[in-house]
N, C-alpha and C. Protein backbone atom coordinates (compact mmCIF):
# COMPACT_ATOMS: atom_id res chain seq x y z
N MET A 1 97.27 107.72 127.11
CA MET A 1 97.85 106.48 126.59
C MET A 1 99.34 106.67 126.58
N ALA A 2 100.01 105.72 127.09
CA ALA A 2 101.53 105.74 127.02
C ALA A 2 101.90 104.85 125.88
N ILE A 3 102.97 105.26 125.13
CA ILE A 3 103.70 104.41 124.20
C ILE A 3 105.06 104.30 124.78
N LYS A 4 105.42 103.14 125.30
CA LYS A 4 106.68 102.89 126.00
C LYS A 4 107.03 101.45 125.89
N ASN A 5 108.38 101.18 125.86
CA ASN A 5 108.93 99.90 125.77
C ASN A 5 108.27 99.11 124.59
N PHE A 6 108.05 99.86 123.51
CA PHE A 6 107.55 99.15 122.27
C PHE A 6 106.18 98.54 122.49
N ALA A 7 105.29 99.25 123.22
CA ALA A 7 103.98 98.74 123.55
C ALA A 7 103.02 100.00 123.81
N PHE A 8 101.78 99.83 123.52
CA PHE A 8 100.74 100.79 123.93
C PHE A 8 100.21 100.35 125.29
N SER A 9 100.14 101.32 126.11
CA SER A 9 99.60 101.04 127.53
C SER A 9 98.60 102.02 127.96
N PRO A 10 97.40 101.44 128.37
CA PRO A 10 96.98 100.05 128.35
C PRO A 10 96.72 99.48 126.97
N ALA A 11 96.82 98.11 126.90
CA ALA A 11 96.55 97.46 125.58
C ALA A 11 95.09 97.61 125.17
N THR A 12 94.18 97.62 126.19
CA THR A 12 92.77 97.97 125.95
C THR A 12 92.33 99.10 126.79
N LEU A 13 91.83 100.08 126.09
CA LEU A 13 91.33 101.29 126.85
C LEU A 13 89.87 101.36 126.62
N LYS A 14 89.10 101.55 127.70
CA LYS A 14 87.60 101.64 127.61
C LYS A 14 87.23 103.16 127.99
N VAL A 15 86.55 103.78 126.98
CA VAL A 15 86.14 105.15 127.16
C VAL A 15 84.65 105.29 126.79
N LYS A 16 84.04 106.40 127.16
CA LYS A 16 82.72 106.75 126.73
C LYS A 16 82.78 107.59 125.44
N ALA A 17 81.85 107.48 124.54
CA ALA A 17 81.75 108.27 123.39
C ALA A 17 81.85 109.77 123.78
N GLY A 18 82.63 110.47 122.92
CA GLY A 18 82.94 111.87 123.21
C GLY A 18 84.24 112.14 123.86
N THR A 19 84.97 110.99 124.19
CA THR A 19 86.20 111.20 125.02
C THR A 19 87.35 111.39 123.99
N THR A 20 88.15 112.32 124.32
CA THR A 20 89.42 112.42 123.52
C THR A 20 90.51 111.67 124.22
N VAL A 21 91.23 110.92 123.38
CA VAL A 21 92.33 110.07 123.85
C VAL A 21 93.62 110.65 123.36
N THR A 22 94.60 110.82 124.22
CA THR A 22 95.89 111.35 123.74
C THR A 22 96.96 110.32 124.00
N TRP A 23 97.71 110.03 122.96
CA TRP A 23 98.93 109.13 123.12
C TRP A 23 100.19 109.97 123.22
N THR A 24 101.10 109.56 124.13
CA THR A 24 102.42 110.22 124.26
C THR A 24 103.51 109.17 124.08
N ASN A 25 104.39 109.40 123.12
CA ASN A 25 105.50 108.54 122.85
C ASN A 25 106.61 108.78 123.95
N GLN A 26 106.87 107.71 124.70
CA GLN A 26 107.86 107.80 125.79
C GLN A 26 109.13 107.01 125.41
N ASP A 27 109.16 106.43 124.21
CA ASP A 27 110.28 105.70 123.66
C ASP A 27 111.15 106.69 122.86
N THR A 28 112.42 106.24 122.65
CA THR A 28 113.35 106.99 121.91
C THR A 28 113.13 106.74 120.38
N ASP A 29 112.59 105.59 120.04
CA ASP A 29 112.19 105.35 118.63
C ASP A 29 110.84 105.96 118.28
N ALA A 30 110.64 106.43 117.05
CA ALA A 30 109.38 106.90 116.58
C ALA A 30 108.34 105.82 116.47
N HIS A 31 107.08 106.20 116.75
CA HIS A 31 105.93 105.28 116.60
C HIS A 31 104.73 106.01 115.96
N THR A 32 103.77 105.20 115.39
CA THR A 32 102.55 105.81 114.91
C THR A 32 101.39 105.25 115.63
N VAL A 33 100.29 105.92 115.53
CA VAL A 33 98.97 105.39 116.06
C VAL A 33 98.05 105.31 114.80
N THR A 34 97.87 104.12 114.27
CA THR A 34 97.23 103.90 112.96
C THR A 34 96.16 102.81 112.98
N SER A 35 94.97 103.18 112.56
CA SER A 35 93.91 102.19 112.58
C SER A 35 94.31 100.97 111.85
N ALA A 36 93.96 99.76 112.41
CA ALA A 36 94.20 98.54 111.65
C ALA A 36 93.09 98.41 110.59
N GLY A 37 93.41 97.95 109.38
CA GLY A 37 92.51 97.83 108.35
C GLY A 37 92.31 99.27 107.76
N SER A 38 91.56 99.27 106.63
CA SER A 38 91.39 100.60 105.91
C SER A 38 90.13 101.29 106.48
N GLY A 39 90.14 102.64 106.39
CA GLY A 39 88.96 103.40 106.73
C GLY A 39 88.85 103.79 108.18
N GLY A 40 89.81 103.43 109.02
CA GLY A 40 89.73 103.82 110.41
C GLY A 40 90.10 105.24 110.64
N PRO A 41 89.70 105.75 111.85
CA PRO A 41 89.94 107.17 112.09
C PRO A 41 91.32 107.59 112.52
N LEU A 42 92.18 106.66 112.88
CA LEU A 42 93.43 106.94 113.48
C LEU A 42 94.57 107.01 112.47
N HIS A 43 95.15 108.16 112.27
CA HIS A 43 96.30 108.24 111.29
C HIS A 43 97.26 109.29 111.82
N SER A 44 98.08 108.85 112.79
CA SER A 44 99.06 109.84 113.26
C SER A 44 100.34 109.88 112.36
N PRO A 45 101.02 110.95 112.39
CA PRO A 45 102.34 110.94 111.78
C PRO A 45 103.33 110.21 112.67
N ALA A 46 104.50 109.92 112.28
CA ALA A 46 105.48 109.36 113.13
C ALA A 46 105.71 110.27 114.30
N LEU A 47 105.65 109.73 115.50
CA LEU A 47 105.71 110.50 116.72
C LEU A 47 107.16 110.40 117.27
N ALA A 48 107.81 111.44 117.43
CA ALA A 48 109.19 111.43 118.03
C ALA A 48 108.99 111.33 119.57
N THR A 49 110.10 111.21 120.25
CA THR A 49 110.07 111.12 121.69
C THR A 49 109.34 112.32 122.32
N HIS A 50 108.36 112.04 123.16
CA HIS A 50 107.58 113.08 123.84
C HIS A 50 106.49 113.66 123.02
N ALA A 51 106.37 113.36 121.73
CA ALA A 51 105.34 113.87 120.86
C ALA A 51 103.98 113.22 121.24
N THR A 52 102.85 113.88 120.95
CA THR A 52 101.62 113.40 121.29
C THR A 52 100.64 113.36 120.00
N TYR A 53 99.67 112.56 120.11
CA TYR A 53 98.60 112.54 119.14
C TYR A 53 97.31 112.29 119.77
N SER A 54 96.27 113.06 119.44
CA SER A 54 94.97 112.97 120.08
C SER A 54 93.91 112.68 119.04
N HIS A 55 92.86 111.99 119.57
CA HIS A 55 91.69 111.66 118.65
C HIS A 55 90.49 111.66 119.58
N ARG A 56 89.35 112.33 119.15
CA ARG A 56 88.05 112.24 119.85
C ARG A 56 87.26 111.15 119.31
N PHE A 57 86.88 110.25 120.18
CA PHE A 57 86.04 109.07 119.72
C PHE A 57 84.53 109.46 119.98
N THR A 58 83.79 109.53 118.86
CA THR A 58 82.33 109.97 118.97
C THR A 58 81.42 108.80 118.74
N THR A 59 81.90 107.72 118.10
CA THR A 59 80.94 106.62 117.81
C THR A 59 81.33 105.40 118.51
N PRO A 60 80.42 104.77 119.20
CA PRO A 60 80.73 103.55 120.01
C PRO A 60 81.22 102.42 119.04
N GLY A 61 82.11 101.56 119.63
CA GLY A 61 82.65 100.46 118.83
C GLY A 61 84.06 100.12 119.31
N SER A 62 84.66 99.18 118.70
CA SER A 62 86.01 98.71 119.02
C SER A 62 86.93 99.27 117.91
N TYR A 63 88.01 100.00 118.30
CA TYR A 63 88.94 100.55 117.44
C TYR A 63 90.31 99.87 117.61
N HIS A 64 90.63 99.06 116.73
CA HIS A 64 91.93 98.29 116.75
C HIS A 64 92.95 99.19 116.02
N TYR A 65 94.17 99.29 116.59
CA TYR A 65 95.21 100.11 115.95
C TYR A 65 96.56 99.51 116.18
N LEU A 66 97.45 100.10 115.47
CA LEU A 66 98.90 99.53 115.58
C LEU A 66 99.87 100.62 115.19
N CYS A 67 101.15 100.33 115.35
CA CYS A 67 102.18 101.18 114.93
C CYS A 67 102.66 100.64 113.60
N THR A 68 102.65 101.49 112.51
CA THR A 68 102.98 101.05 111.19
C THR A 68 104.48 100.79 111.10
N ILE A 69 105.29 101.39 111.96
CA ILE A 69 106.71 101.22 111.97
C ILE A 69 107.08 99.83 112.60
N HIS A 70 106.27 99.49 113.69
CA HIS A 70 106.52 98.33 114.44
C HIS A 70 105.14 97.65 114.52
N PRO A 71 104.72 96.83 113.55
CA PRO A 71 103.41 96.24 113.47
C PRO A 71 103.05 95.31 114.54
N PHE A 72 104.01 94.77 115.33
CA PHE A 72 103.70 93.91 116.33
C PHE A 72 103.15 94.68 117.60
N MET A 73 103.20 96.04 117.55
CA MET A 73 102.55 96.88 118.56
C MET A 73 101.15 97.16 118.24
N THR A 74 100.22 96.44 119.01
CA THR A 74 98.80 96.61 118.71
C THR A 74 98.10 96.87 119.99
N ALA A 75 96.91 97.56 119.88
CA ALA A 75 96.03 97.80 121.00
C ALA A 75 94.64 98.16 120.51
N THR A 76 93.70 98.28 121.46
CA THR A 76 92.36 98.59 121.11
C THR A 76 91.75 99.69 122.07
N VAL A 77 90.94 100.56 121.45
CA VAL A 77 90.08 101.46 122.22
C VAL A 77 88.68 101.01 122.08
N GLU A 78 88.04 100.74 123.16
CA GLU A 78 86.59 100.34 123.21
C GLU A 78 85.74 101.52 123.66
N VAL A 79 84.92 101.95 122.72
CA VAL A 79 84.05 103.10 122.93
C VAL A 79 82.62 102.68 123.25
N THR A 80 82.05 103.15 124.42
CA THR A 80 80.71 102.79 124.73
C THR A 80 79.90 104.16 124.82
N ARG A 81 78.61 104.00 124.79
CA ARG A 81 77.72 105.16 124.99
C ARG A 81 77.77 105.86 126.35
């Protein structure tokens, strides 16, 4: 997953359960990968340029997330069996 131009790319990523997704910040500003709402699995620190964050999705479902620094940046990972 790319983080560039103040957006997550792609905005919707479809993966199978057991897949590890890695985000790479390509912007000069810091960004986070944080689950929308409480209790979600995504909680990255602020990612500097070229920093990465990975998470293994084991349970099917839709995982909505955002950048807490720039809340207009939103995206979804859709996990299937």
